[in-house]
Amino acid sequence: MIPLSLMSQNSNFFIPFLIILVVGLVIFLLIYFSRKNIVLRELSKFQFRHIGQFRSNELTKVTGKVLQVEEPFIAPFSKRQCVAYIFQVKQKVSSGKNSHWKTLVKHENIQSFFLELNGELVMVKPSMASSNYRSYMVEDKRITSGTFNNPTPEFKNVLNDFGIASENWFGFNKTLKYTERIIEVGETITVGGIAKWKTLKEPIEGYNYSKIAALESSSEQKLIITDHPDAKQKRKSF
């Protein structure tokens, strides 16, 4: 028969160990299934190719410079031209001893764009309507305000555009946070998709070929788009 004192000692050791194990597992799962790591793992299935070496229907990825196809978006805070954005405003709200961030505004959009590499172009056509892409964009801008942290005039302008008051009924600053993630025109990013060659119906200014490379999606494979540096093709050193 196991002495009660020994069982108590084992219990005192086992319970903290179990708590640490559960917390560690939760942290691991949150990191493993984060949007960033899902996108980077997806891209690892694709083969880097120079645009002129595209093989039709092959899973292909390209690291290149973003060029606009149409009138680009303008980011609300930074005012930079971009082909994709995710921006949101959150407010910290308290309930008893607990507090959490409540999303007041969230907007996301994307448009077609070119990727340019060594003077060659590839067409990319993501669409929010068809949800044919998965993306991860690095956070470009974060700005906050709070009780002892007055919002800047630029931040106030953004809040006004969204109809958000920076102060509460008592005249104190709300605890607010604005984040902005964009794919800027001229930025170097990585895109993965199914390689295709398309015949041009109309010429592209500065482009002298009748066909253009494209990265496309299918019912089984989404476009993968990211500006995270870990996705970029590493240049070989000799």
C-alpha atoms as a PDB file:
ATOM      1  CA  MET A   1       0.000   0.000   0.000  1.00  0.00           C
ATOM      2  CA  ILE A   2       1.426   3.436  -1.024  1.00  0.00           C
ATOM      3  CA  PRO A   3       1.845   5.800   1.941  1.00  0.00           C
ATOM      4  CA  LEU A   4      -0.404   8.865   1.860  1.00  0.00           C
ATOM      5  CA  SER A   5       2.618  11.160   2.289  1.00  0.00           C
ATOM      6  CA  LEU A   6       4.215   9.751  -0.892  1.00  0.00           C
ATOM      7  CA  MET A   7       0.969  10.117  -2.855  1.00  0.00           C
ATOM      8  CA  SER A   8       0.729  13.714  -1.676  1.00  0.00           C
ATOM      9  CA  GLN A   9       4.312  14.411  -2.778  1.00  0.00           C
ATOM     10  CA  ASN A  10       3.650  12.879  -6.213  1.00  0.00           C
ATOM     11  CA  SER A  11       0.476  14.947  -6.565  1.00  0.00           C
ATOM     12  CA  ASN A  12       2.323  18.135  -5.621  1.00  0.00           C
ATOM     13  CA  PHE A  13       4.838  17.412  -8.395  1.00  0.00           C
ATOM     14  CA  PHE A  14       2.407  16.126 -11.036  1.00  0.00           C
ATOM     15  CA  ILE A  15      -0.164  18.952 -10.977  1.00  0.00           C
ATOM     16  CA  PRO A  16       2.348  21.808 -11.647  1.00  0.00           C
ATOM     17  CA  PHE A  17       4.013  19.646 -14.322  1.00  0.00           C
ATOM     18  CA  LEU A  18       0.644  19.044 -15.996  1.00  0.00           C
ATOM     19  CA  ILE A  19      -0.181  22.769 -15.928  1.00  0.00           C
ATOM     20  CA  ILE A  20       3.195  23.632 -17.514  1.00  0.00           C
ATOM     21  CA  LEU A  21       2.677  20.919 -20.139  1.00  0.00           C
ATOM     22  CA  VAL A  22      -0.794  22.189 -21.061  1.00  0.00           C
ATOM     23  CA  VAL A  23       0.356  25.827 -21.239  1.00  0.00           C
ATOM     24  CA  GLY A  24       3.335  24.814 -23.384  1.00  0.00           C
ATOM     25  CA  LEU A  25       1.089  22.839 -25.735  1.00  0.00           C
ATOM     26  CA  VAL A  26      -1.331  25.749 -26.088  1.00  0.00           C
ATOM     27  CA  ILE A  27       1.532  28.153 -26.908  1.00  0.00           C
ATOM     28  CA  PHE A  28       2.957  25.693 -29.449  1.00  0.00           C
ATOM     29  CA  LEU A  29      -0.420  25.262 -31.171  1.00  0.00           C
ATOM     30  CA  LEU A  30      -1.012  29.025 -31.281  1.00  0.00           C
ATOM     31  CA  ILE A  31       2.373  29.559 -32.943  1.00  0.00           C
ATOM     32  CA  TYR A  32       2.120  26.546 -35.271  1.00  0.00           C
ATOM     33  CA  PHE A  33      -1.340  27.497 -36.520  1.00  0.00           C
ATOM     34  CA  SER A  34      -0.708  31.239 -36.686  1.00  0.00           C
ATOM     35  CA  ARG A  35      -1.539  32.895 -40.002  1.00  0.00           C
ATOM     36  CA  LYS A  36       2.140  33.629 -40.646  1.00  0.00           C
ATOM     37  CA  ASN A  37       3.355  30.068 -40.132  1.00  0.00           C
ATOM     38  CA  ILE A  38       0.477  28.523 -42.108  1.00  0.00           C
ATOM     39  CA  VAL A  39       1.415  30.734 -45.089  1.00  0.00           C
ATOM     40  CA  LEU A  40       5.154  29.985 -44.790  1.00  0.00           C
ATOM     41  CA  ARG A  41       4.483  26.227 -44.576  1.00  0.00           C
ATOM     42  CA  GLU A  42       2.201  26.418 -47.624  1.00  0.00           C
ATOM     43  CA  LEU A  43       4.896  28.221 -49.616  1.00  0.00           C
ATOM     44  CA  SER A  44       7.446  25.516 -48.822  1.00  0.00           C
ATOM     45  CA  LYS A  45       5.509  23.240 -51.240  1.00  0.00           C
ATOM     46  CA  PHE A  46       6.265  25.575 -54.166  1.00  0.00           C
ATOM     47  CA  GLN A  47       9.370  25.688 -56.365  1.00  0.00           C
ATOM     48  CA  PHE A  48      11.200  28.982 -56.960  1.00  0.00           C
ATOM     49  CA  ARG A  49      11.413  29.727 -60.691  1.00  0.00           C
ATOM     50  CA  HIS A  50      12.673  32.608 -62.789  1.00  0.00           C
ATOM     51  CA  ILE A  51       9.703  33.943 -64.706  1.00  0.00           C
ATOM     52  CA  GLY A  52      11.111  32.906 -68.092  1.00  0.00           C
ATOM     53  CA  GLN A  53      11.462  29.327 -66.810  1.00  0.00           C
ATOM     54  CA  PHE A  54       7.815  28.826 -65.829  1.00  0.00           C
ATOM     55  CA  ARG A  55       6.462  25.330 -66.443  1.00  0.00           C
ATOM     56  CA  SER A  56       2.712  25.271 -67.004  1.00  0.00           C
ATOM     57  CA  ASN A  57       0.620  23.849 -64.147  1.00  0.00           C
ATOM     58  CA  GLU A  58       3.607  23.532 -61.786  1.00  0.00           C
ATOM     59  CA  LEU A  59       3.365  24.889 -58.227  1.00  0.00           C
ATOM     60  CA  THR A  60       5.657  27.898 -58.550  1.00  0.00           C
ATOM     61  CA  LYS A  61       6.719  30.808 -56.386  1.00  0.00           C
ATOM     62  CA  VAL A  62       8.390  34.074 -57.294  1.00  0.00           C
ATOM     63  CA  THR A  63       9.998  36.809 -55.216  1.00  0.00           C
ATOM     64  CA  GLY A  64       9.689  40.108 -57.050  1.00  0.00           C
ATOM     65  CA  LYS A  65       8.744  43.782 -56.955  1.00  0.00           C
ATOM     66  CA  VAL A  66       5.060  44.751 -56.877  1.00  0.00           C
ATOM     67  CA  LEU A  67       3.795  46.853 -59.777  1.00  0.00           C
ATOM     68  CA  GLN A  68       0.262  48.182 -60.059  1.00  0.00           C
ATOM     69  CA  VAL A  69      -2.224  47.059 -62.697  1.00  0.00           C
ATOM     70  CA  GLU A  70      -4.896  49.613 -61.853  1.00  0.00           C
ATOM     71  CA  GLU A  71      -5.281  52.661 -59.606  1.00  0.00           C
ATOM     72  CA  PRO A  72      -3.737  51.548 -56.283  1.00  0.00           C
ATOM     73  CA  PHE A  73      -5.350  51.854 -52.872  1.00  0.00           C
ATOM     74  CA  ILE A  74      -4.179  54.569 -50.469  1.00  0.00           C
ATOM     75  CA  ALA A  75      -3.489  53.369 -46.902  1.00  0.00           C
ATOM     76  CA  PRO A  76      -5.539  55.388 -44.358  1.00  0.00           C
ATOM     77  CA  PHE A  77      -2.700  56.361 -42.009  1.00  0.00           C
ATOM     78  CA  SER A  78       0.582  56.132 -43.925  1.00  0.00           C
ATOM     79  CA  LYS A  79      -1.054  57.384 -47.160  1.00  0.00           C
ATOM     80  CA  ARG A  80       1.149  54.998 -49.150  1.00  0.00           C
ATOM     81  CA  GLN A  81       0.044  53.437 -52.436  1.00  0.00           C
ATOM     82  CA  CYS A  82      -0.682  49.729 -52.058  1.00  0.00           C
ATOM     83  CA  VAL A  83      -2.336  46.772 -53.810  1.00  0.00           C
ATOM     84  CA  ALA A  84      -3.524  45.114 -50.594  1.00  0.00           C
ATOM     85  CA  TYR A  85      -4.283  46.202 -47.048  1.00  0.00           C
ATOM     86  CA  ILE A  86      -5.646  45.090 -43.708  1.00  0.00           C
ATOM     87  CA  PHE A  87      -6.255  47.817 -41.153  1.00  0.00           C
ATOM     88  CA  GLN A  88      -8.240  47.870 -37.954  1.00  0.00           C
ATOM     89  CA  VAL A  89      -9.050  49.996 -34.938  1.00  0.00           C
ATOM     90  CA  LYS A  90      -9.486  48.327 -31.545  1.00  0.00           C
ATOM     91  CA  GLN A  91     -10.546  49.676 -28.158  1.00  0.00           C
ATOM     92  CA  LYS A  92      -9.498  48.241 -24.820  1.00  0.00           C
ATOM     93  CA  VAL A  93     -12.604  47.676 -22.726  1.00  0.00           C
ATOM     94  CA  SER A  94     -12.829  46.497 -19.122  1.00  0.00           C
ATOM     95  CA  SER A  95     -15.360  44.221 -17.466  1.00  0.00           C
ATOM     96  CA  GLY A  96     -14.728  43.896 -13.743  1.00  0.00           C
ATOM     97  CA  LYS A  97     -11.117  42.795 -13.260  1.00  0.00           C
ATOM     98  CA  ASN A  98     -10.776  41.633 -16.854  1.00  0.00           C
ATOM     99  CA  SER A  99     -10.131  43.592 -20.026  1.00  0.00           C
ATOM    100  CA  HIS A 100      -9.964  42.771 -23.719  1.00  0.00           C
ATOM    101  CA  TRP A 101      -9.534  44.438 -27.096  1.00  0.00           C
ATOM    102  CA  LYS A 102     -12.787  45.067 -28.955  1.00  0.00           C
ATOM    103  CA  THR A 103     -12.582  45.522 -32.740  1.00  0.00           C
ATOM    104  CA  LEU A 104     -14.343  48.731 -33.781  1.00  0.00           C
ATOM    105  CA  VAL A 105     -13.339  48.772 -37.454  1.00  0.00           C
ATOM    106  CA  LYS A 106     -11.663  46.220 -39.712  1.00  0.00           C
ATOM    107  CA  HIS A 107     -11.186  46.564 -43.455  1.00  0.00           C
ATOM    108  CA  GLU A 108      -9.359  44.288 -45.892  1.00  0.00           C
ATOM    109  CA  ASN A 109      -8.997  44.528 -49.659  1.00  0.00           C
ATOM    110  CA  ILE A 110      -6.733  43.369 -52.482  1.00  0.00           C
ATOM    111  CA  GLN A 111      -6.434  43.942 -56.226  1.00  0.00           C
ATOM    112  CA  SER A 112      -4.640  42.385 -59.196  1.00  0.00           C
ATOM    113  CA  PHE A 113      -0.964  43.263 -59.578  1.00  0.00           C
ATOM    114  CA  PHE A 114       2.233  42.438 -61.462  1.00  0.00           C
ATOM    115  CA  LEU A 115       5.395  41.009 -59.969  1.00  0.00           C
ATOM    116  CA  GLU A 116       8.569  42.189 -61.713  1.00  0.00           C
ATOM    117  CA  LEU A 117      11.817  40.214 -61.600  1.00  0.00           C
ATOM    118  CA  ASN A 118      14.837  41.006 -63.765  1.00  0.00           C
ATOM    119  CA  GLY A 119      12.691  42.937 -66.242  1.00  0.00           C
ATOM    120  CA  GLU A 120      10.127  40.139 -66.624  1.00  0.00           C
ATOM    121  CA  LEU A 121       6.522  40.286 -65.426  1.00  0.00           C
ATOM    122  CA  VAL A 122       4.117  37.816 -63.866  1.00  0.00           C
ATOM    123  CA  MET A 123       0.411  38.532 -63.429  1.00  0.00           C
ATOM    124  CA  VAL A 124      -1.299  37.815 -60.092  1.00  0.00           C
ATOM    125  CA  LYS A 125      -5.082  38.070 -59.718  1.00  0.00           C
ATOM    126  CA  PRO A 126      -6.210  37.590 -56.114  1.00  0.00           C
ATOM    127  CA  SER A 127      -9.892  38.145 -55.392  1.00  0.00           C
ATOM    128  CA  MET A 128     -11.715  38.678 -52.116  1.00  0.00           C
ATOM    129  CA  ALA A 129     -15.006  37.806 -53.823  1.00  0.00           C
ATOM    130  CA  SER A 130     -13.839  34.317 -54.786  1.00  0.00           C
ATOM    131  CA  SER A 131     -11.534  33.938 -51.772  1.00  0.00           C
ATOM    132  CA  ASN A 132      -8.865  32.458 -54.047  1.00  0.00           C
ATOM    133  CA  TYR A 133      -5.860  33.489 -51.946  1.00  0.00           C
ATOM    134  CA  ARG A 134      -4.291  33.177 -48.525  1.00  0.00           C
ATOM    135  CA  SER A 135      -2.041  35.987 -47.328  1.00  0.00           C
ATOM    136  CA  TYR A 136       0.104  37.178 -44.482  1.00  0.00           C
ATOM    137  CA  MET A 137       1.222  40.809 -44.345  1.00  0.00           C
ATOM    138  CA  VAL A 138       3.783  42.097 -41.875  1.00  0.00           C
ATOM    139  CA  GLU A 139       2.491  44.869 -39.614  1.00  0.00           C
ATOM    140  CA  ASP A 140       3.688  48.182 -41.083  1.00  0.00           C
ATOM    141  CA  LYS A 141       2.185  50.669 -38.658  1.00  0.00           C
ATOM    142  CA  ARG A 142       0.860  50.659 -35.106  1.00  0.00           C
ATOM    143  CA  ILE A 143      -0.328  53.726 -33.212  1.00  0.00           C
ATOM    144  CA  THR A 144      -2.079  53.974 -29.859  1.00  0.00           C
ATOM    145  CA  SER A 145      -3.767  56.444 -27.544  1.00  0.00           C
ATOM    146  CA  GLY A 146      -4.808  56.222 -23.910  1.00  0.00           C
ATOM    147  CA  THR A 147      -5.414  58.026 -20.638  1.00  0.00           C
ATOM    148  CA  PHE A 148      -1.986  59.713 -20.577  1.00  0.00           C
ATOM    149  CA  ASN A 149      -1.291  59.337 -24.290  1.00  0.00           C
ATOM    150  CA  ASN A 150      -3.120  61.842 -26.483  1.00  0.00           C
ATOM    151  CA  PRO A 151      -3.844  60.735 -30.067  1.00  0.00           C
ATOM    152  CA  THR A 152      -1.737  62.501 -32.673  1.00  0.00           C
ATOM    153  CA  PRO A 153      -3.533  64.776 -35.165  1.00  0.00           C
ATOM    154  CA  GLU A 154      -2.923  62.127 -37.857  1.00  0.00           C
ATOM    155  CA  PHE A 155      -4.475  59.424 -35.662  1.00  0.00           C
ATOM    156  CA  LYS A 156      -7.448  61.692 -34.901  1.00  0.00           C
ATOM    157  CA  ASN A 157      -8.004  62.218 -38.619  1.00  0.00           C
ATOM    158  CA  VAL A 158      -8.139  58.446 -39.170  1.00  0.00           C
ATOM    159  CA  LEU A 159     -10.559  58.024 -36.251  1.00  0.00           C
ATOM    160  CA  ASN A 160     -12.759  60.826 -37.587  1.00  0.00           C
ATOM    161  CA  ASP A 161     -12.850  59.165 -41.005  1.00  0.00           C
ATOM    162  CA  PHE A 162     -14.269  56.040 -39.338  1.00  0.00           C
ATOM    163  CA  GLY A 163     -16.633  57.994 -37.067  1.00  0.00           C
ATOM    164  CA  ILE A 164     -14.799  56.999 -33.870  1.00  0.00           C
ATOM    165  CA  ALA A 165     -14.531  59.446 -30.954  1.00  0.00           C
ATOM    166  CA  SER A 166     -11.131  59.511 -29.269  1.00  0.00           C
ATOM    167  CA  GLU A 167     -12.635  60.505 -25.885  1.00  0.00           C
ATOM    168  CA  ASN A 168     -15.340  59.001 -23.663  1.00  0.00           C
ATOM    169  CA  TRP A 169     -18.317  60.820 -22.115  1.00  0.00           C
ATOM    170  CA  PHE A 170     -16.144  62.130 -19.267  1.00  0.00           C
ATOM    171  CA  GLY A 171     -13.596  63.715 -21.618  1.00  0.00           C
ATOM    172  CA  PHE A 172     -10.871  61.115 -20.998  1.00  0.00           C
ATOM    173  CA  ASN A 173      -8.924  59.509 -23.844  1.00  0.00           C
ATOM    174  CA  LYS A 174     -10.108  56.079 -24.849  1.00  0.00           C
ATOM    175  CA  THR A 175      -7.473  53.349 -25.025  1.00  0.00           C
ATOM    176  CA  LEU A 176      -7.344  52.811 -28.783  1.00  0.00           C
ATOM    177  CA  LYS A 177      -5.015  50.962 -31.136  1.00  0.00           C
ATOM    178  CA  TYR A 178      -4.701  51.241 -34.918  1.00  0.00           C
ATOM    179  CA  THR A 179      -2.731  48.695 -36.955  1.00  0.00           C
ATOM    180  CA  GLU A 180      -1.982  48.790 -40.662  1.00  0.00           C
ATOM    181  CA  ARG A 181      -0.646  45.989 -42.872  1.00  0.00           C
ATOM    182  CA  ILE A 182      -0.128  46.703 -46.564  1.00  0.00           C
ATOM    183  CA  ILE A 183       1.542  45.400 -49.699  1.00  0.00           C
ATOM    184  CA  GLU A 184       3.032  48.590 -51.063  1.00  0.00           C
ATOM    185  CA  VAL A 185       3.630  49.380 -54.721  1.00  0.00           C
ATOM    186  CA  GLY A 186       7.361  48.802 -55.249  1.00  0.00           C
ATOM    187  CA  GLU A 187       7.671  46.409 -52.293  1.00  0.00           C
ATOM    188  CA  THR A 188       9.406  43.039 -52.723  1.00  0.00           C
ATOM    189  CA  ILE A 189       7.115  40.136 -51.854  1.00  0.00           C
ATOM    190  CA  THR A 190       6.735  36.404 -52.539  1.00  0.00           C
ATOM    191  CA  VAL A 191       3.767  34.819 -54.315  1.00  0.00           C
ATOM    192  CA  GLY A 192       3.033  31.145 -54.873  1.00  0.00           C
ATOM    193  CA  GLY A 193       0.525  29.742 -57.358  1.00  0.00           C
ATOM    194  CA  ILE A 194      -0.017  27.533 -60.388  1.00  0.00           C
ATOM    195  CA  ALA A 195       2.211  28.632 -63.277  1.00  0.00           C
ATOM    196  CA  LYS A 196       0.451  29.566 -66.525  1.00  0.00           C
ATOM    197  CA  TRP A 197       1.252  31.346 -69.788  1.00  0.00           C
ATOM    198  CA  LYS A 198      -1.409  33.763 -71.022  1.00  0.00           C
ATOM    199  CA  THR A 199      -1.855  35.365 -74.450  1.00  0.00           C
ATOM    200  CA  LEU A 200      -2.257  39.123 -74.158  1.00  0.00           C
ATOM    201  CA  LYS A 201      -5.431  40.571 -75.660  1.00  0.00           C
ATOM    202  CA  GLU A 202      -4.048  44.100 -75.267  1.00  0.00           C
ATOM    203  CA  PRO A 203      -0.399  45.216 -75.105  1.00  0.00           C
ATOM    204  CA  ILE A 204       1.120  46.254 -71.769  1.00  0.00           C
ATOM    205  CA  GLU A 205       3.092  49.487 -71.779  1.00  0.00           C
ATOM    206  CA  GLY A 206       6.819  48.721 -71.602  1.00  0.00           C
ATOM    207  CA  TYR A 207       6.231  44.986 -72.203  1.00  0.00           C
ATOM    208  CA  ASN A 208       7.155  43.725 -75.692  1.00  0.00           C
ATOM    209  CA  TYR A 209       5.885  40.137 -75.625  1.00  0.00           C
ATOM    210  CA  SER A 210       2.579  38.628 -76.789  1.00  0.00           C
ATOM    211  CA  LYS A 211       2.384  36.244 -73.812  1.00  0.00           C
ATOM    212  CA  ILE A 212       2.715  36.870 -70.098  1.00  0.00           C
ATOM    213  CA  ALA A 213       3.408  34.526 -67.200  1.00  0.00           C
ATOM    214  CA  ALA A 214       0.750  34.224 -64.518  1.00  0.00           C
ATOM    215  CA  LEU A 215       0.373  32.651 -61.102  1.00  0.00           C
ATOM    216  CA  GLU A 216      -3.172  31.368 -60.647  1.00  0.00           C
ATOM    217  CA  SER A 217      -5.345  29.518 -58.166  1.00  0.00           C
ATOM    218  CA  SER A 218      -7.565  26.466 -58.583  1.00  0.00           C
ATOM    219  CA  SER A 219     -10.397  24.848 -56.643  1.00  0.00           C
ATOM    220  CA  GLU A 220      -7.766  22.881 -54.696  1.00  0.00           C
ATOM    221  CA  GLN A 221      -4.947  25.435 -54.505  1.00  0.00           C
ATOM    222  CA  LYS A 222      -5.144  29.047 -53.371  1.00  0.00           C
ATOM    223  CA  LEU A 223      -2.673  31.770 -54.260  1.00  0.00           C
ATOM    224  CA  ILE A 224      -0.231  32.330 -51.401  1.00  0.00           C
ATOM    225  CA  ILE A 225       0.910  35.934 -50.885  1.00  0.00           C
ATOM    226  CA  THR A 226       3.259  37.372 -48.266  1.00  0.00           C
ATOM    227  CA  ASP A 227       5.766  40.141 -47.666  1.00  0.00           C
ATOM    228  CA  HIS A 228       7.421  38.262 -44.787  1.00  0.00           C
ATOM    229  CA  PRO A 229      11.216  38.199 -45.303  1.00  0.00           C
ATOM    230  CA  ASP A 230      11.437  34.480 -44.419  1.00  0.00           C
ATOM    231  CA  ALA A 231       9.542  33.672 -47.631  1.00  0.00           C
ATOM    232  CA  LYS A 232      11.929  35.467 -49.977  1.00  0.00           C
ATOM    233  CA  GLN A 233      14.268  33.576 -52.253  1.00  0.00           C
ATOM    234  CA  LYS A 234      17.754  33.647 -50.810  1.00  0.00           C
ATOM    235  CA  ARG A 235      20.380  34.891 -53.234  1.00  0.00           C
ATOM    236  CA  LYS A 236      23.270  32.504 -53.688  1.00  0.00           C
ATOM    237  CA  SER A 237      26.723  33.755 -52.779  1.00  0.00           C
ATOM    238  CA  PHE A 238      29.790  32.516 -54.619  1.00  0.00           C
END
